[in-house]
Amino acid sequence: MINLFDILDAADGQLFGEPIAQIFSGFSVNPRTVQPGELYVALKTEQADGHPAMEAAVRAGATGIMCKHPPTFDTSGVTVVMMRDVEGALLRWARYILTKYGTTVIAVAGSNGKSTTGNAIHHVLSGRYPALNGTDSLPGRFGVPLALGKLTNSHQLAVLEFSPLQSGDMDEMFNATLP
């Protein structure tokens, strides 16, 4: 679960209008797969810019938007958080929430077998500790904070898959989570 005020504190965001939702069920970066109650993150990467899809994400059920540029559509039914650096904000939020909850991170990295290994680790440890299984995350540096969107304060452990896509991703994932 994602708390609006944790995002504002961790990532130095600003509200655009009145907040409607304060708790989000998770993050989404794809307007085609966003689930009702999620916070849509308008990432801008080398491959795509999520800002033009903000309205579609809201129509699909997103109750919040995290963006750099103000929306150009009616946002009266949605919470909008503006960030100078949306991508960096996700990584700062990950570090903040892990510290706040005191969650220990177990990172699984490598060229083959990450998901299988991570699932096995989660299976063994979750019998004794409340653990988040974050091995189904997207590859790249944003996959880790997106997976942590399902983290609650009851999770003592988070098993995360580190799948870098480009140079620097591993360092950013490590710095955000301190596994």
C-alpha atoms as a PDB file:
ATOM      1  CA  MET A   1       0.000   0.000   0.000  1.00  0.00           C
ATOM      2  CA  ILE A   2       1.191   3.482  -0.829  1.00  0.00           C
ATOM      3  CA  ASN A   3       0.417   6.416   1.422  1.00  0.00           C
ATOM      4  CA  LEU A   4       0.173   9.821  -0.250  1.00  0.00           C
ATOM      5  CA  PHE A   5       1.947  11.538   2.626  1.00  0.00           C
ATOM      6  CA  ASP A   6       4.866   9.086   2.497  1.00  0.00           C
ATOM      7  CA  ILE A   7       5.358  10.008  -1.155  1.00  0.00           C
ATOM      8  CA  LEU A   8       5.174  13.716  -0.387  1.00  0.00           C
ATOM      9  CA  ASP A   9       7.676  13.359   2.489  1.00  0.00           C
ATOM     10  CA  ALA A  10      10.079  11.010   0.729  1.00  0.00           C
ATOM     11  CA  ALA A  11      10.201  12.616  -2.670  1.00  0.00           C
ATOM     12  CA  ASP A  12       9.476  16.276  -1.991  1.00  0.00           C
ATOM     13  CA  GLY A  13       6.338  16.262  -4.106  1.00  0.00           C
ATOM     14  CA  GLN A  14       3.602  18.868  -4.317  1.00  0.00           C
ATOM     15  CA  LEU A  15      -0.118  18.388  -4.623  1.00  0.00           C
ATOM     16  CA  PHE A  16      -1.829  19.735  -7.722  1.00  0.00           C
ATOM     17  CA  GLY A  17      -5.321  20.528  -6.488  1.00  0.00           C
ATOM     18  CA  GLU A  18      -7.099  18.838  -3.608  1.00  0.00           C
ATOM     19  CA  PRO A  19      -6.135  15.252  -2.777  1.00  0.00           C
ATOM     20  CA  ILE A  20      -8.977  12.804  -3.303  1.00  0.00           C
ATOM     21  CA  ALA A  21      -7.295   9.472  -2.506  1.00  0.00           C
ATOM     22  CA  GLN A  22      -4.661   9.200   0.204  1.00  0.00           C
ATOM     23  CA  ILE A  23      -3.983   5.459   0.009  1.00  0.00           C
ATOM     24  CA  PHE A  24      -3.167   3.602  -3.217  1.00  0.00           C
ATOM     25  CA  SER A  25      -3.167  -0.159  -3.745  1.00  0.00           C
ATOM     26  CA  GLY A  26       0.017  -0.101  -5.834  1.00  0.00           C
ATOM     27  CA  PHE A  27       1.909   1.636  -8.613  1.00  0.00           C
ATOM     28  CA  SER A  28       1.224   1.360 -12.337  1.00  0.00           C
ATOM     29  CA  VAL A  29       3.250   2.648 -15.268  1.00  0.00           C
ATOM     30  CA  ASN A  30       0.986   1.256 -17.982  1.00  0.00           C
ATOM     31  CA  PRO A  31      -2.460   2.791 -18.572  1.00  0.00           C
ATOM     32  CA  ARG A  32      -3.609  -0.436 -20.271  1.00  0.00           C
ATOM     33  CA  THR A  33      -2.995  -2.534 -17.146  1.00  0.00           C
ATOM     34  CA  VAL A  34      -3.722  -0.027 -14.374  1.00  0.00           C
ATOM     35  CA  GLN A  35      -6.045  -1.405 -11.702  1.00  0.00           C
ATOM     36  CA  PRO A  36      -8.664   0.624  -9.818  1.00  0.00           C
ATOM     37  CA  GLY A  37      -7.109   2.312  -6.799  1.00  0.00           C
ATOM     38  CA  GLU A  38      -3.555   2.422  -8.151  1.00  0.00           C
ATOM     39  CA  LEU A  39      -1.233   5.404  -8.463  1.00  0.00           C
ATOM     40  CA  TYR A  40      -0.265   5.911 -12.110  1.00  0.00           C
ATOM     41  CA  VAL A  41       3.367   6.995 -12.462  1.00  0.00           C
ATOM     42  CA  ALA A  42       4.053   9.032 -15.610  1.00  0.00           C
ATOM     43  CA  LEU A  43       7.626   7.894 -16.230  1.00  0.00           C
ATOM     44  CA  LYS A  44       9.678   9.497 -18.949  1.00  0.00           C
ATOM     45  CA  THR A  45      12.344   7.148 -20.275  1.00  0.00           C
ATOM     46  CA  GLU A  46      14.354   6.814 -23.458  1.00  0.00           C
ATOM     47  CA  GLN A  47      11.612   4.542 -24.810  1.00  0.00           C
ATOM     48  CA  ALA A  48       8.443   6.419 -23.838  1.00  0.00           C
ATOM     49  CA  ASP A  49       6.801   9.293 -21.988  1.00  0.00           C
ATOM     50  CA  GLY A  50       3.913   8.360 -19.702  1.00  0.00           C
ATOM     51  CA  HIS A  51       2.511  11.887 -19.479  1.00  0.00           C
ATOM     52  CA  PRO A  52       0.261  11.707 -22.580  1.00  0.00           C
ATOM     53  CA  ALA A  53      -1.366   8.560 -21.130  1.00  0.00           C
ATOM     54  CA  MET A  54      -2.373  10.083 -17.782  1.00  0.00           C
ATOM     55  CA  GLU A  55      -5.994  10.648 -18.780  1.00  0.00           C
ATOM     56  CA  ALA A  56      -6.309   7.071 -20.071  1.00  0.00           C
ATOM     57  CA  ALA A  57      -4.921   5.775 -16.763  1.00  0.00           C
ATOM     58  CA  VAL A  58      -7.529   7.751 -14.832  1.00  0.00           C
ATOM     59  CA  ARG A  59     -10.303   6.447 -17.104  1.00  0.00           C
ATOM     60  CA  ALA A  60      -9.011   2.924 -16.397  1.00  0.00           C
ATOM     61  CA  GLY A  61      -9.343   3.431 -12.638  1.00  0.00           C
ATOM     62  CA  ALA A  62      -6.175   5.086 -11.338  1.00  0.00           C
ATOM     63  CA  THR A  63      -7.083   7.205  -8.312  1.00  0.00           C
ATOM     64  CA  GLY A  64      -3.794   9.081  -8.348  1.00  0.00           C
ATOM     65  CA  ILE A  65      -1.179  10.399 -10.752  1.00  0.00           C
ATOM     66  CA  MET A  66       2.501  11.074 -10.099  1.00  0.00           C
ATOM     67  CA  CYS A  67       3.863  13.344 -12.826  1.00  0.00           C
ATOM     68  CA  LYS A  68       6.282  16.113 -13.738  1.00  0.00           C
ATOM     69  CA  HIS A  69       3.958  18.166 -15.937  1.00  0.00           C
ATOM     70  CA  PRO A  70       0.481  19.291 -14.870  1.00  0.00           C
ATOM     71  CA  PRO A  71      -2.387  17.351 -16.417  1.00  0.00           C
ATOM     72  CA  THR A  72      -4.321  19.091 -19.196  1.00  0.00           C
ATOM     73  CA  PHE A  73      -7.612  17.382 -18.352  1.00  0.00           C
ATOM     74  CA  ASP A  74     -10.125  17.612 -15.502  1.00  0.00           C
ATOM     75  CA  THR A  75      -8.513  16.095 -12.400  1.00  0.00           C
ATOM     76  CA  SER A  76     -11.317  16.792  -9.941  1.00  0.00           C
ATOM     77  CA  GLY A  77     -11.767  13.070  -9.162  1.00  0.00           C
ATOM     78  CA  VAL A  78      -8.116  12.129  -8.794  1.00  0.00           C
ATOM     79  CA  THR A  79      -5.120  12.950  -6.592  1.00  0.00           C
ATOM     80  CA  VAL A  80      -2.246  14.523  -8.536  1.00  0.00           C
ATOM     81  CA  VAL A  81       1.284  14.642  -7.114  1.00  0.00           C
ATOM     82  CA  MET A  82       3.801  16.693  -9.066  1.00  0.00           C
ATOM     83  CA  MET A  83       7.529  15.948  -8.895  1.00  0.00           C
ATOM     84  CA  ARG A  84      10.534  17.645 -10.417  1.00  0.00           C
ATOM     85  CA  ASP A  85      12.067  14.197 -10.967  1.00  0.00           C
ATOM     86  CA  VAL A  86       9.455  11.424 -11.128  1.00  0.00           C
ATOM     87  CA  GLU A  87      12.015   8.700 -11.747  1.00  0.00           C
ATOM     88  CA  GLY A  88      14.231   9.761  -8.840  1.00  0.00           C
ATOM     89  CA  ALA A  89      11.146  10.168  -6.639  1.00  0.00           C
ATOM     90  CA  LEU A  90      10.306   6.479  -7.026  1.00  0.00           C
ATOM     91  CA  LEU A  91      13.780   5.458  -5.878  1.00  0.00           C
ATOM     92  CA  ARG A  92      13.721   7.908  -2.940  1.00  0.00           C
ATOM     93  CA  TRP A  93      10.300   6.607  -1.902  1.00  0.00           C
ATOM     94  CA  ALA A  94      11.637   3.020  -1.952  1.00  0.00           C
ATOM     95  CA  ARG A  95      14.462   3.913   0.424  1.00  0.00           C
ATOM     96  CA  TYR A  96      12.111   5.932   2.636  1.00  0.00           C
ATOM     97  CA  ILE A  97       9.449   3.225   2.967  1.00  0.00           C
ATOM     98  CA  LEU A  98      11.937   0.422   3.645  1.00  0.00           C
ATOM     99  CA  THR A  99      13.524   2.524   6.386  1.00  0.00           C
ATOM    100  CA  LYS A 100      10.153   3.549   7.829  1.00  0.00           C
ATOM    101  CA  TYR A 101       8.926  -0.054   8.037  1.00  0.00           C
ATOM    102  CA  GLY A 102      12.308  -1.533   9.005  1.00  0.00           C
ATOM    103  CA  THR A 103      11.977  -4.121   6.240  1.00  0.00           C
ATOM    104  CA  THR A 104      15.020  -6.238   5.397  1.00  0.00           C
ATOM    105  CA  VAL A 105      15.655  -6.643   1.670  1.00  0.00           C
ATOM    106  CA  ILE A 106      16.898  -9.841   0.088  1.00  0.00           C
ATOM    107  CA  ALA A 107      18.036  -9.064  -3.453  1.00  0.00           C
ATOM    108  CA  VAL A 108      18.296 -11.747  -6.110  1.00  0.00           C
ATOM    109  CA  ALA A 109      20.461 -10.908  -9.133  1.00  0.00           C
ATOM    110  CA  GLY A 110      22.145 -12.803 -11.928  1.00  0.00           C
ATOM    111  CA  SER A 111      21.799 -13.676 -15.574  1.00  0.00           C
ATOM    112  CA  ASN A 112      19.499 -16.715 -15.214  1.00  0.00           C
ATOM    113  CA  GLY A 113      17.081 -18.107 -12.635  1.00  0.00           C
ATOM    114  CA  LYS A 114      16.350 -14.940 -10.671  1.00  0.00           C
ATOM    115  CA  SER A 115      12.589 -15.445 -10.458  1.00  0.00           C
ATOM    116  CA  THR A 116      12.829 -19.134  -9.600  1.00  0.00           C
ATOM    117  CA  THR A 117      15.468 -18.478  -6.948  1.00  0.00           C
ATOM    118  CA  GLY A 118      13.564 -15.515  -5.523  1.00  0.00           C
ATOM    119  CA  ASN A 119      10.324 -17.493  -5.381  1.00  0.00           C
ATOM    120  CA  ALA A 120      12.107 -20.343  -3.577  1.00  0.00           C
ATOM    121  CA  ILE A 121      13.657 -17.934  -1.059  1.00  0.00           C
ATOM    122  CA  HIS A 122      10.268 -16.294  -0.488  1.00  0.00           C
ATOM    123  CA  HIS A 123       8.565 -19.683  -0.066  1.00  0.00           C
ATOM    124  CA  VAL A 124      11.047 -20.804   2.594  1.00  0.00           C
ATOM    125  CA  LEU A 125      11.191 -17.514   4.519  1.00  0.00           C
ATOM    126  CA  SER A 126       7.488 -16.668   4.372  1.00  0.00           C
ATOM    127  CA  GLY A 127       6.780 -19.747   6.483  1.00  0.00           C
ATOM    128  CA  ARG A 128       8.464 -17.965   9.369  1.00  0.00           C
ATOM    129  CA  TYR A 129       8.381 -14.230   8.541  1.00  0.00           C
ATOM    130  CA  PRO A 130       5.851 -11.959   6.846  1.00  0.00           C
ATOM    131  CA  ALA A 131       7.538 -11.427   3.473  1.00  0.00           C
ATOM    132  CA  LEU A 132       6.771  -9.543   0.271  1.00  0.00           C
ATOM    133  CA  ASN A 133       7.469 -11.462  -2.915  1.00  0.00           C
ATOM    134  CA  GLY A 134       8.685  -8.821  -5.384  1.00  0.00           C
ATOM    135  CA  THR A 135      10.139 -11.217  -7.933  1.00  0.00           C
ATOM    136  CA  ASP A 136       7.486 -10.495 -10.562  1.00  0.00           C
ATOM    137  CA  SER A 137       8.674  -6.923 -10.989  1.00  0.00           C
ATOM    138  CA  LEU A 138       9.563  -5.128 -14.183  1.00  0.00           C
ATOM    139  CA  PRO A 139      13.221  -5.143 -15.208  1.00  0.00           C
ATOM    140  CA  GLY A 140      15.329  -2.030 -14.710  1.00  0.00           C
ATOM    141  CA  ARG A 141      15.806   0.387 -11.862  1.00  0.00           C
ATOM    142  CA  PHE A 142      12.097   1.218 -11.586  1.00  0.00           C
ATOM    143  CA  GLY A 143      11.024  -2.388 -11.114  1.00  0.00           C
ATOM    144  CA  VAL A 144      12.167  -2.400  -7.490  1.00  0.00           C
ATOM    145  CA  PRO A 145      10.125   0.588  -6.249  1.00  0.00           C
ATOM    146  CA  LEU A 146       7.140  -0.552  -8.314  1.00  0.00           C
ATOM    147  CA  ALA A 147       7.296  -3.966  -6.589  1.00  0.00           C
ATOM    148  CA  LEU A 148       7.526  -2.256  -3.205  1.00  0.00           C
ATOM    149  CA  GLY A 149       4.175  -0.598  -3.881  1.00  0.00           C
ATOM    150  CA  LYS A 150       2.608  -3.749  -2.389  1.00  0.00           C
ATOM    151  CA  LEU A 151       4.731  -3.509   0.790  1.00  0.00           C
ATOM    152  CA  THR A 152       2.913  -3.069   4.112  1.00  0.00           C
ATOM    153  CA  ASN A 153       4.250  -2.305   7.564  1.00  0.00           C
ATOM    154  CA  SER A 154       3.651  -5.968   8.501  1.00  0.00           C
ATOM    155  CA  HIS A 155       6.307  -7.217   6.038  1.00  0.00           C
ATOM    156  CA  GLN A 156       9.566  -7.980   7.824  1.00  0.00           C
ATOM    157  CA  LEU A 157      11.261  -9.098   4.602  1.00  0.00           C
ATOM    158  CA  ALA A 158      11.105  -8.147   0.935  1.00  0.00           C
ATOM    159  CA  VAL A 159      12.512 -10.553  -1.651  1.00  0.00           C
ATOM    160  CA  LEU A 160      13.291  -8.433  -4.715  1.00  0.00           C
ATOM    161  CA  GLU A 161      14.590  -9.266  -8.170  1.00  0.00           C
ATOM    162  CA  PHE A 162      17.373  -6.989  -9.405  1.00  0.00           C
ATOM    163  CA  SER A 163      17.306  -7.021 -13.220  1.00  0.00           C
ATOM    164  CA  PRO A 164      19.331  -4.103 -14.567  1.00  0.00           C
ATOM    165  CA  LEU A 165      18.621  -2.941 -18.107  1.00  0.00           C
ATOM    166  CA  GLN A 166      21.388  -0.389 -18.503  1.00  0.00           C
ATOM    167  CA  SER A 167      24.581   0.797 -16.907  1.00  0.00           C
ATOM    168  CA  GLY A 168      23.928   2.331 -13.499  1.00  0.00           C
ATOM    169  CA  ASP A 169      20.681   0.453 -12.793  1.00  0.00           C
ATOM    170  CA  MET A 170      22.268  -1.945 -10.296  1.00  0.00           C
ATOM    171  CA  ASP A 171      23.819   0.914  -8.315  1.00  0.00           C
ATOM    172  CA  GLU A 172      20.496   2.762  -8.186  1.00  0.00           C
ATOM    173  CA  MET A 173      18.601  -0.358  -7.082  1.00  0.00           C
ATOM    174  CA  PHE A 174      21.228  -1.064  -4.434  1.00  0.00           C
ATOM    175  CA  ASN A 175      21.220   2.509  -3.115  1.00  0.00           C
ATOM    176  CA  ALA A 176      17.419   2.558  -2.944  1.00  0.00           C
ATOM    177  CA  THR A 177      17.141  -0.687  -0.987  1.00  0.00           C
ATOM    178  CA  LEU A 178      20.444  -1.420   0.799  1.00  0.00           C
ATOM    179  CA  PRO A 179      19.963  -5.218   0.608  1.00  0.00           C
END
